[in-house]
Amino acid sequence: MGMIDLIADMQHEIWSHWMKYVFELFGENQDGSVTISAEKVKRWKRQVGTRYRDLTRDEKYSDVEQAVKVTDALEDKYEIVSKEDYDELLERDKKLGALEAGGVENWQWYDDSMESMWGDE
């Protein structure tokens, strides 16, 4: 499963969890529809119009719970690095490529350097 599918799968789980909550909270009407209480509609409309940073501590908590599920799923399969660290790795890779193109493995100290870095691996 690729990263996009993994995230989509998690988003679907989050949505499914939410819908189960809604259906359990309000139950079904005889015709199969669901009627949401005016209190919940008012609260959820306010939350929809509120940026995350402006939510109450309790309201943020449920969003954090869901975010943890996503990051846990990603971290099970991927190494997550900051953009800054990633950019540094790309620069180091360019430098290594230039050294290898210049024949670094033939330089006198190359074997000693590799031995000190990798040991007996």
C-alpha atoms as a PDB file:
ATOM      1  CA  MET A   1       0.000   0.000   0.000  1.00  0.00           C
ATOM      2  CA  GLY A   2       1.467   3.362  -1.015  1.00  0.00           C
ATOM      3  CA  MET A   3       1.455   6.462   1.156  1.00  0.00           C
ATOM      4  CA  ILE A   4      -1.627   7.993  -0.508  1.00  0.00           C
ATOM      5  CA  ASP A   5      -3.603   4.773  -0.056  1.00  0.00           C
ATOM      6  CA  LEU A   6      -2.423   4.498   3.534  1.00  0.00           C
ATOM      7  CA  ILE A   7      -3.574   8.049   4.313  1.00  0.00           C
ATOM      8  CA  ALA A   8      -6.856   7.508   2.430  1.00  0.00           C
ATOM      9  CA  ASP A   9      -7.435   4.324   4.420  1.00  0.00           C
ATOM     10  CA  MET A  10      -6.858   6.208   7.679  1.00  0.00           C
ATOM     11  CA  GLN A  11      -9.155   9.042   6.590  1.00  0.00           C
ATOM     12  CA  HIS A  12     -11.845   6.488   5.814  1.00  0.00           C
ATOM     13  CA  GLU A  13     -11.409   4.915   9.259  1.00  0.00           C
ATOM     14  CA  ILE A  14     -11.711   8.363  10.861  1.00  0.00           C
ATOM     15  CA  TRP A  15     -14.853   9.119   8.854  1.00  0.00           C
ATOM     16  CA  SER A  16     -16.334   5.686   9.651  1.00  0.00           C
ATOM     17  CA  HIS A  17     -15.632   6.202  13.355  1.00  0.00           C
ATOM     18  CA  TRP A  18     -17.384   9.578  13.222  1.00  0.00           C
ATOM     19  CA  MET A  19     -20.427   8.230  11.390  1.00  0.00           C
ATOM     20  CA  LYS A  20     -20.800   5.341  13.861  1.00  0.00           C
ATOM     21  CA  TYR A  21     -20.708   7.928  16.657  1.00  0.00           C
ATOM     22  CA  VAL A  22     -23.401  10.028  14.978  1.00  0.00           C
ATOM     23  CA  PHE A  23     -25.635   7.031  14.273  1.00  0.00           C
ATOM     24  CA  GLU A  24     -25.261   5.704  17.824  1.00  0.00           C
ATOM     25  CA  LEU A  25     -25.833   9.138  19.346  1.00  0.00           C
ATOM     26  CA  PHE A  26     -29.064   9.895  17.489  1.00  0.00           C
ATOM     27  CA  GLY A  27     -30.392   6.555  16.282  1.00  0.00           C
ATOM     28  CA  GLU A  28     -32.446   6.084  13.155  1.00  0.00           C
ATOM     29  CA  ASN A  29     -35.897   7.397  12.480  1.00  0.00           C
ATOM     30  CA  GLN A  30     -38.511   4.965  11.177  1.00  0.00           C
ATOM     31  CA  ASP A  31     -37.732   5.960   7.578  1.00  0.00           C
ATOM     32  CA  GLY A  32     -33.987   5.317   8.042  1.00  0.00           C
ATOM     33  CA  SER A  33     -33.029   8.978   8.323  1.00  0.00           C
ATOM     34  CA  VAL A  34     -31.238  10.501  11.297  1.00  0.00           C
ATOM     35  CA  THR A  35     -32.308  13.652  13.110  1.00  0.00           C
ATOM     36  CA  ILE A  36     -29.482  15.604  14.722  1.00  0.00           C
ATOM     37  CA  SER A  37     -30.362  17.625  17.790  1.00  0.00           C
ATOM     38  CA  ALA A  38     -30.361  21.418  17.472  1.00  0.00           C
ATOM     39  CA  GLU A  39     -27.739  21.582  20.241  1.00  0.00           C
ATOM     40  CA  LYS A  40     -25.295  19.405  18.260  1.00  0.00           C
ATOM     41  CA  VAL A  41     -25.995  21.276  15.011  1.00  0.00           C
ATOM     42  CA  LYS A  42     -25.222  24.582  16.721  1.00  0.00           C
ATOM     43  CA  ARG A  43     -22.034  23.210  18.310  1.00  0.00           C
ATOM     44  CA  TRP A  44     -20.773  21.520  15.130  1.00  0.00           C
ATOM     45  CA  LYS A  45     -21.488  24.578  12.994  1.00  0.00           C
ATOM     46  CA  ARG A  46     -19.430  26.655  15.409  1.00  0.00           C
ATOM     47  CA  GLN A  47     -16.610  24.106  15.274  1.00  0.00           C
ATOM     48  CA  VAL A  48     -16.703  23.960  11.465  1.00  0.00           C
ATOM     49  CA  GLY A  49     -16.172  27.719  11.397  1.00  0.00           C
ATOM     50  CA  THR A  50     -13.358  27.628  13.971  1.00  0.00           C
ATOM     51  CA  ARG A  51      -9.683  27.121  13.187  1.00  0.00           C
ATOM     52  CA  TYR A  52      -8.005  24.306  15.091  1.00  0.00           C
ATOM     53  CA  ARG A  53      -5.827  26.668  17.117  1.00  0.00           C
ATOM     54  CA  ASP A  54      -8.973  28.434  18.382  1.00  0.00           C
ATOM     55  CA  LEU A  55     -10.810  25.305  19.542  1.00  0.00           C
ATOM     56  CA  THR A  56     -11.156  24.544  23.223  1.00  0.00           C
ATOM     57  CA  ARG A  57      -8.685  22.147  24.819  1.00  0.00           C
ATOM     58  CA  ASP A  58     -11.304  19.365  24.868  1.00  0.00           C
ATOM     59  CA  GLU A  59     -12.243  19.964  21.238  1.00  0.00           C
ATOM     60  CA  LYS A  60      -8.594  19.788  20.192  1.00  0.00           C
ATOM     61  CA  TYR A  61      -8.170  16.506  22.040  1.00  0.00           C
ATOM     62  CA  SER A  62     -10.380  14.515  19.658  1.00  0.00           C
ATOM     63  CA  ASP A  63      -8.537  15.976  16.648  1.00  0.00           C
ATOM     64  CA  VAL A  64      -5.209  15.051  18.239  1.00  0.00           C
ATOM     65  CA  GLU A  65      -6.451  11.482  18.811  1.00  0.00           C
ATOM     66  CA  GLN A  66      -7.192  11.161  15.100  1.00  0.00           C
ATOM     67  CA  ALA A  67      -3.890  12.772  14.085  1.00  0.00           C
ATOM     68  CA  VAL A  68      -2.021  10.260  16.254  1.00  0.00           C
ATOM     69  CA  LYS A  69      -3.729   7.399  14.395  1.00  0.00           C
ATOM     70  CA  VAL A  70      -2.506   8.809  11.071  1.00  0.00           C
ATOM     71  CA  THR A  71       1.055   9.469  12.223  1.00  0.00           C
ATOM     72  CA  ASP A  72       1.265   6.030  13.869  1.00  0.00           C
ATOM     73  CA  ALA A  73       0.186   4.372  10.622  1.00  0.00           C
ATOM     74  CA  LEU A  74       2.716   6.411   8.633  1.00  0.00           C
ATOM     75  CA  GLU A  75       5.544   5.775  11.094  1.00  0.00           C
ATOM     76  CA  ASP A  76       4.897   2.013  10.901  1.00  0.00           C
ATOM     77  CA  LYS A  77       5.831   2.113   7.218  1.00  0.00           C
ATOM     78  CA  TYR A  78       7.865   5.284   6.617  1.00  0.00           C
ATOM     79  CA  GLU A  79      10.652   7.274   8.213  1.00  0.00           C
ATOM     80  CA  ILE A  80       9.347  10.773   8.769  1.00  0.00           C
ATOM     81  CA  VAL A  81      11.906  13.555   8.568  1.00  0.00           C
ATOM     82  CA  SER A  82      11.518  17.309   8.564  1.00  0.00           C
ATOM     83  CA  LYS A  83      11.810  19.224   5.290  1.00  0.00           C
ATOM     84  CA  GLU A  84      15.009  20.792   6.626  1.00  0.00           C
ATOM     85  CA  ASP A  85      16.570  17.385   7.353  1.00  0.00           C
ATOM     86  CA  TYR A  86      15.386  16.040   3.994  1.00  0.00           C
ATOM     87  CA  ASP A  87      16.986  18.968   2.158  1.00  0.00           C
ATOM     88  CA  GLU A  88      20.232  18.369   4.060  1.00  0.00           C
ATOM     89  CA  LEU A  89      20.160  14.687   3.078  1.00  0.00           C
ATOM     90  CA  LEU A  90      19.702  15.657  -0.572  1.00  0.00           C
ATOM     91  CA  GLU A  91      22.699  17.998  -0.370  1.00  0.00           C
ATOM     92  CA  ARG A  92      24.817  15.278   1.241  1.00  0.00           C
ATOM     93  CA  ASP A  93      23.731  12.852  -1.458  1.00  0.00           C
ATOM     94  CA  LYS A  94      24.821  15.334  -4.160  1.00  0.00           C
ATOM     95  CA  LYS A  95      28.188  15.708  -2.442  1.00  0.00           C
ATOM     96  CA  LEU A  96      28.598  11.931  -2.182  1.00  0.00           C
ATOM     97  CA  GLY A  97      27.684  11.569  -5.857  1.00  0.00           C
ATOM     98  CA  ALA A  98      30.348  14.121  -6.775  1.00  0.00           C
ATOM     99  CA  LEU A  99      32.966  12.323  -4.642  1.00  0.00           C
ATOM    100  CA  GLU A 100      32.076   8.948  -6.147  1.00  0.00           C
ATOM    101  CA  ALA A 101      32.208  10.406  -9.661  1.00  0.00           C
ATOM    102  CA  GLY A 102      35.689  11.708  -8.795  1.00  0.00           C
ATOM    103  CA  GLY A 103      36.831   8.232  -7.797  1.00  0.00           C
ATOM    104  CA  VAL A 104      36.815   8.655  -4.026  1.00  0.00           C
ATOM    105  CA  GLU A 105      36.885   4.890  -3.537  1.00  0.00           C
ATOM    106  CA  ASN A 106      40.405   4.898  -5.035  1.00  0.00           C
ATOM    107  CA  TRP A 107      41.765   7.526  -2.658  1.00  0.00           C
ATOM    108  CA  GLN A 108      44.401   6.350  -0.207  1.00  0.00           C
ATOM    109  CA  TRP A 109      42.361   6.933   2.967  1.00  0.00           C
ATOM    110  CA  TYR A 110      39.047   5.586   1.618  1.00  0.00           C
ATOM    111  CA  ASP A 111      39.316   2.049   3.049  1.00  0.00           C
ATOM    112  CA  ASP A 112      40.414   3.325   6.457  1.00  0.00           C
ATOM    113  CA  SER A 113      37.493   5.753   6.538  1.00  0.00           C
ATOM    114  CA  MET A 114      34.971   3.063   5.616  1.00  0.00           C
ATOM    115  CA  GLU A 115      36.428   0.704   8.220  1.00  0.00           C
ATOM    116  CA  SER A 116      36.141   3.316  10.969  1.00  0.00           C
ATOM    117  CA  MET A 117      32.569   4.141   9.931  1.00  0.00           C
ATOM    118  CA  TRP A 118      31.164   0.644   9.379  1.00  0.00           C
ATOM    119  CA  GLY A 119      33.476  -1.547  11.466  1.00  0.00           C
ATOM    120  CA  ASP A 120      33.225  -5.263  10.777  1.00  0.00           C
ATOM    121  CA  GLU A 121      29.816  -5.219   9.090  1.00  0.00           C
END
